[in-house]
N, C-alpha and C. Protein backbone atom coordinates (compact mmCIF):
# COMPACT_ATOMS: atom_id res chain seq x y z
N MET A 1 7.87 -4.65 -9.50
CA MET A 1 7.85 -4.63 -8.08
C MET A 1 6.65 -5.69 -8.06
N THR A 2 6.66 -6.50 -6.94
CA THR A 2 5.83 -7.79 -6.76
C THR A 2 4.92 -7.03 -5.48
N VAL A 3 3.71 -7.56 -5.41
CA VAL A 3 2.70 -7.05 -4.31
C VAL A 3 1.56 -8.34 -4.00
N PHE A 4 1.94 -8.65 -2.17
CA PHE A 4 0.97 -9.67 -1.64
C PHE A 4 0.27 -9.42 -0.77
N ILE A 5 -0.80 -10.25 -0.72
CA ILE A 5 -1.73 -9.36 0.20
C ILE A 5 -1.66 -10.12 1.22
N LYS A 6 -1.36 -10.14 2.38
CA LYS A 6 -1.49 -10.41 3.96
C LYS A 6 -2.75 -10.51 4.77
N ASP A 7 -3.50 -9.75 4.57
CA ASP A 7 -5.04 -9.25 5.43
C ASP A 7 -6.21 -10.24 4.38
N LYS A 8 -6.67 -10.99 5.15
CA LYS A 8 -7.72 -11.65 4.32
C LYS A 8 -8.87 -10.60 4.15
N ASP A 9 -9.05 -9.45 4.77
CA ASP A 9 -10.05 -8.62 4.58
C ASP A 9 -9.46 -7.85 2.89
N LEU A 10 -8.16 -7.60 2.95
CA LEU A 10 -7.71 -6.35 2.14
C LEU A 10 -7.97 -7.92 0.79
N GLU A 11 -7.69 -9.21 0.72
CA GLU A 11 -7.62 -10.08 -0.34
C GLU A 11 -8.86 -10.31 -0.58
N GLU A 12 -9.84 -9.78 0.32
CA GLU A 12 -11.38 -10.20 -0.55
C GLU A 12 -11.91 -8.92 -1.03
N LEU A 13 -11.30 -7.87 -0.61
CA LEU A 13 -11.48 -6.32 -1.10
C LEU A 13 -10.73 -6.42 -2.72
N PHE A 14 -9.86 -6.99 -2.59
CA PHE A 14 -9.06 -6.72 -3.81
C PHE A 14 -9.39 -8.02 -5.01
N ARG A 15 -10.20 -9.32 -4.54
CA ARG A 15 -10.86 -10.45 -5.29
C ARG A 15 -12.24 -9.91 -5.70
N THR A 16 -13.00 -9.20 -5.07
CA THR A 16 -13.96 -8.75 -4.93
C THR A 16 -14.86 -7.33 -5.36
N GLY A 17 -13.74 -6.74 -4.78
CA GLY A 17 -13.96 -5.12 -4.83
C GLY A 17 -15.06 -4.30 -3.56
N LYS A 18 -15.48 -5.47 -2.84
CA LYS A 18 -15.95 -5.53 -1.32
C LYS A 18 -15.30 -5.87 -0.62
N SER A 19 -15.47 -5.54 0.66
CA SER A 19 -15.39 -6.25 1.81
C SER A 19 -15.87 -6.03 2.70
N LYS A 20 -16.38 -7.28 3.79
CA LYS A 20 -17.53 -7.17 4.83
C LYS A 20 -17.27 -6.36 6.66
N LYS A 21 -16.03 -6.53 6.05
CA LYS A 21 -14.77 -5.89 7.70
C LYS A 21 -14.72 -4.25 7.36
N LEU A 22 -14.16 -4.11 5.97
CA LEU A 22 -13.59 -2.75 5.75
C LEU A 22 -14.72 -1.97 4.59
N LYS A 23 -15.30 -1.27 5.37
CA LYS A 23 -16.38 -0.62 4.85
C LYS A 23 -15.52 0.96 4.79
N LEU A 24 -15.34 0.72 3.45
CA LEU A 24 -14.42 2.36 3.16
C LEU A 24 -15.09 2.65 1.75
N PRO A 25 -15.14 4.36 1.33
CA PRO A 25 -15.73 4.92 0.41
C PRO A 25 -15.47 4.34 -1.07
N GLU A 26 -16.33 4.52 -1.85
CA GLU A 26 -15.62 3.85 -3.11
C GLU A 26 -14.79 4.40 -3.54
N HIS A 27 -14.39 5.68 -3.97
CA HIS A 27 -13.48 6.32 -3.93
C HIS A 27 -11.91 5.85 -3.66
N VAL A 28 -12.09 6.01 -2.36
CA VAL A 28 -11.06 5.13 -1.48
C VAL A 28 -10.64 3.60 -1.99
N VAL A 29 -11.93 2.77 -2.48
CA VAL A 29 -11.50 1.57 -3.23
C VAL A 29 -10.86 1.35 -4.37
N ASP A 30 -11.19 2.46 -5.18
CA ASP A 30 -10.59 2.44 -6.61
C ASP A 30 -9.05 3.08 -6.22
N LYS A 31 -9.19 4.00 -5.24
CA LYS A 31 -7.61 4.57 -5.26
C LYS A 31 -6.55 3.45 -4.68
N PHE A 32 -7.47 2.19 -3.70
CA PHE A 32 -6.74 1.07 -3.41
C PHE A 32 -6.18 0.27 -4.65
N PHE A 33 -6.98 0.08 -5.49
CA PHE A 33 -6.46 -0.79 -6.76
C PHE A 33 -5.78 -0.25 -8.00
N ALA A 34 -5.77 1.63 -7.74
CA ALA A 34 -4.66 2.35 -8.23
C ALA A 34 -3.31 2.27 -7.83
N THR A 35 -3.12 2.09 -6.53
CA THR A 35 -2.22 2.24 -5.77
C THR A 35 -1.33 1.27 -6.11
N ILE A 36 -2.27 -0.08 -6.32
CA ILE A 36 -1.53 -1.44 -6.69
C ILE A 36 -0.95 -1.59 -8.06
N GLN A 37 -1.72 -0.86 -8.61
CA GLN A 37 -0.85 -1.05 -10.16
C GLN A 37 0.09 -0.01 -9.92
N LYS A 38 0.26 0.87 -9.59
CA LYS A 38 1.54 2.14 -9.48
C LYS A 38 2.30 1.04 -8.67
N ILE A 39 2.39 0.28 -7.72
CA ILE A 39 3.40 -0.40 -6.96
C ILE A 39 3.81 -1.62 -8.00
N GLU A 40 3.23 -2.23 -8.59
CA GLU A 40 3.31 -3.10 -9.63
C GLU A 40 4.10 -2.61 -11.03
N ALA A 41 3.86 -1.61 -11.41
CA ALA A 41 3.94 -0.99 -12.65
C ALA A 41 5.38 -0.38 -12.40
N ALA A 42 5.67 0.43 -11.01
CA ALA A 42 7.41 0.80 -10.82
C ALA A 42 8.41 -0.33 -10.92
N VAL A 43 9.69 0.38 -11.60
CA VAL A 43 10.60 -0.46 -11.83
C VAL A 43 11.71 -0.42 -10.28
N ASP A 44 11.66 0.93 -9.26
CA ASP A 44 12.09 0.96 -8.60
C ASP A 44 11.41 1.68 -7.28
N LEU A 45 11.98 1.92 -6.12
CA LEU A 45 11.56 2.68 -5.16
C LEU A 45 11.23 4.38 -5.35
N HIS A 46 12.39 4.62 -6.33
CA HIS A 46 12.37 5.65 -6.94
C HIS A 46 11.06 6.34 -7.71
N ASP A 47 10.46 5.41 -8.36
CA ASP A 47 9.59 5.54 -9.00
C ASP A 47 8.19 6.17 -8.08
N LEU A 48 8.33 5.07 -7.01
CA LEU A 48 7.36 5.40 -5.97
C LEU A 48 7.24 6.50 -5.28
N LEU A 49 8.46 7.18 -5.29
CA LEU A 49 8.91 8.36 -4.33
C LEU A 49 8.68 9.38 -5.14
N ALA A 50 9.02 9.54 -6.51
CA ALA A 50 8.64 10.80 -7.79
C ALA A 50 6.93 10.85 -7.53
N ASP A 51 6.29 9.93 -7.18
CA ASP A 51 4.63 10.19 -7.06
C ASP A 51 4.73 10.94 -5.78
N LYS A 52 4.62 12.43 -5.68
CA LYS A 52 4.43 12.79 -4.64
C LYS A 52 2.94 12.55 -3.80
N GLY A 53 1.79 12.80 -4.72
CA GLY A 53 0.63 12.22 -4.31
C GLY A 53 0.32 10.72 -3.39
N LEU A 54 1.20 9.89 -3.42
CA LEU A 54 1.79 8.81 -2.81
C LEU A 54 1.80 9.08 -1.45
N ARG A 55 2.67 10.01 -1.30
CA ARG A 55 3.39 10.31 0.20
C ARG A 55 4.24 8.72 0.48
N PHE A 56 4.71 8.39 -0.04
CA PHE A 56 5.16 7.00 0.66
C PHE A 56 6.43 7.22 1.68
N GLU A 57 5.85 6.55 2.62
CA GLU A 57 6.94 6.90 4.00
C GLU A 57 7.01 5.80 4.61
N LYS A 58 8.23 5.61 5.31
CA LYS A 58 8.29 4.64 6.47
C LYS A 58 7.78 5.28 7.85
N LEU A 59 6.86 4.53 8.45
CA LEU A 59 6.62 4.54 9.69
C LEU A 59 7.25 4.35 10.66
N LYS A 60 7.36 5.67 11.32
CA LYS A 60 7.70 6.04 12.98
C LYS A 60 7.53 4.84 13.99
N GLY A 61 8.59 4.57 14.51
CA GLY A 61 8.63 3.37 15.41
C GLY A 61 8.51 1.89 14.58
N TYR A 62 8.54 1.72 13.63
CA TYR A 62 8.68 0.34 12.75
C TYR A 62 9.84 0.48 12.22
N ASP A 63 10.07 -1.34 12.18
CA ASP A 63 11.81 -1.53 11.27
C ASP A 63 11.35 -1.49 9.73
N ASP A 64 10.13 -2.09 9.91
CA ASP A 64 9.58 -2.30 8.25
C ASP A 64 8.69 -2.32 7.50
N THR A 65 7.63 -1.07 8.13
CA THR A 65 6.48 -0.91 7.72
C THR A 65 6.48 0.67 7.18
N TYR A 66 6.10 0.63 6.32
CA TYR A 66 5.74 1.65 5.54
C TYR A 66 4.23 2.36 4.78
N SER A 67 3.94 3.13 4.35
CA SER A 67 2.50 3.63 4.55
C SER A 67 2.17 4.51 3.05
N MET A 68 1.37 4.52 2.33
CA MET A 68 1.30 5.30 0.98
C MET A 68 -0.07 5.53 0.99
N ARG A 69 -0.51 6.99 0.67
CA ARG A 69 -1.69 7.87 1.18
C ARG A 69 -2.56 7.10 0.01
N LEU A 70 -3.86 6.76 0.10
CA LEU A 70 -5.38 6.39 -0.55
C LEU A 70 -5.89 7.58 -0.56
N ASN A 71 -6.09 8.72 0.35
CA ASN A 71 -6.71 9.91 0.26
C ASN A 71 -6.28 10.61 1.46
N GLN A 72 -6.88 11.86 2.01
CA GLN A 72 -6.83 12.52 3.20
C GLN A 72 -6.57 11.69 4.67
N LYS A 73 -7.66 10.85 4.39
CA LYS A 73 -7.97 10.18 5.71
C LYS A 73 -7.03 8.61 5.77
N TYR A 74 -7.48 7.82 4.91
CA TYR A 74 -6.92 6.50 4.38
C TYR A 74 -5.22 6.12 3.89
N ARG A 75 -4.61 5.56 4.54
CA ARG A 75 -3.47 5.28 4.21
C ARG A 75 -3.55 3.66 3.92
N LEU A 76 -3.18 3.15 2.84
CA LEU A 76 -2.45 1.54 2.83
C LEU A 76 -1.51 1.40 3.48
N GLU A 77 -1.01 0.55 4.49
CA GLU A 77 0.27 -0.11 5.17
C GLU A 77 0.86 -1.14 4.68
N MET A 78 1.84 -0.80 4.64
CA MET A 78 2.53 -2.30 4.25
C MET A 78 3.99 -2.51 4.63
N THR A 79 4.26 -3.69 4.63
CA THR A 79 5.85 -3.95 5.14
C THR A 79 6.59 -4.71 3.53
N ILE A 80 7.94 -4.26 3.32
CA ILE A 80 8.79 -4.83 2.04
C ILE A 80 9.71 -5.59 2.65
N THR A 81 9.78 -6.54 1.44
CA THR A 81 11.23 -7.22 1.93
C THR A 81 12.11 -7.06 0.59
N TRP A 82 12.95 -6.54 0.64
CA TRP A 82 13.84 -5.86 -0.13
C TRP A 82 14.68 -6.59 -0.74
N THR A 83 14.81 -7.18 -2.09
CA THR A 83 15.23 -7.93 -3.04
C THR A 83 16.73 -7.72 -3.52
N ASN A 84 17.28 -6.14 -3.45
CA ASN A 84 18.38 -6.15 -3.40
C ASN A 84 19.06 -5.29 -2.12
N ASP A 85 20.25 -5.26 -2.23
CA ASP A 85 21.42 -4.43 -1.25
C ASP A 85 21.09 -3.22 -1.38
N ALA A 86 20.74 -2.24 -2.00
CA ALA A 86 20.94 -1.14 -2.13
C ALA A 86 19.33 -0.44 -1.70
N GLN A 87 18.34 -1.43 -1.67
CA GLN A 87 17.14 -1.68 -0.93
C GLN A 87 16.39 -0.59 -1.56
N THR A 88 16.03 -0.91 -3.31
CA THR A 88 15.34 0.21 -4.16
C THR A 88 14.17 -0.93 -4.61
N VAL A 89 14.83 -1.97 -4.76
CA VAL A 89 13.57 -3.09 -5.17
C VAL A 89 13.46 -4.35 -4.21
N GLY A 90 11.85 -4.38 -4.04
CA GLY A 90 11.12 -5.62 -3.30
C GLY A 90 9.83 -5.94 -3.54
N ASP A 91 9.59 -6.79 -2.96
CA ASP A 91 8.24 -7.46 -2.38
C ASP A 91 7.46 -6.69 -1.16
N PHE A 92 6.45 -6.37 -1.92
CA PHE A 92 5.61 -5.32 -1.05
C PHE A 92 4.36 -6.13 -0.58
N TYR A 93 4.38 -6.44 0.85
CA TYR A 93 3.19 -7.06 1.38
C TYR A 93 1.89 -6.32 2.20
N LEU A 94 1.09 -6.03 1.51
CA LEU A 94 -0.09 -5.45 2.06
C LEU A 94 -0.59 -5.79 3.30
N ILE A 95 -0.84 -4.83 4.34
CA ILE A 95 -1.30 -5.52 5.67
C ILE A 95 -2.56 -4.89 6.47
N THR A 96 -2.53 -3.71 5.86
CA THR A 96 -3.98 -3.02 6.37
C THR A 96 -3.88 -1.81 5.46
N ILE A 97 -5.41 -1.23 5.42
CA ILE A 97 -6.03 -0.12 5.08
C ILE A 97 -6.45 0.86 6.54
N SER A 98 -5.60 1.90 7.14
CA SER A 98 -5.99 2.48 7.94
C SER A 98 -6.54 3.33 7.98
N ASN A 99 -7.28 4.02 8.93
CA ASN A 99 -7.99 5.60 9.22
C ASN A 99 -6.75 6.29 9.75
N HIS A 100 -6.05 7.03 9.05
CA HIS A 100 -4.91 8.28 9.25
C HIS A 100 -5.47 9.23 10.53
N TYR A 101 -6.72 9.29 10.75
CA TYR A 101 -6.98 10.30 11.95
C TYR A 101 -7.46 9.50 13.21
N SER A 102 -7.84 8.35 13.11
CA SER A 102 -8.23 7.96 14.20
C SER A 102 -7.92 7.87 15.36
């Protein structure tokens, strides 16, 4: 699977490991990088669903927005453009890291 970053602050975090706007604990930044590696390593959607710690899920109220858990408090939100008819392989467009309980 391929990962693209749509948000400039996430792009800065990915390139430098820090972001002026995103004030995140270091362990959350580490999980961000680990989650990107898991997405890139996945052959299809089933690989991501098998990792129960990610809690990969479709967000209610949105047509094509999904989230994955970084920790109990933060989620990585993304949209997916499916590249096959079965909707098991696609391009992931990362849009934000949200505070799940804000």
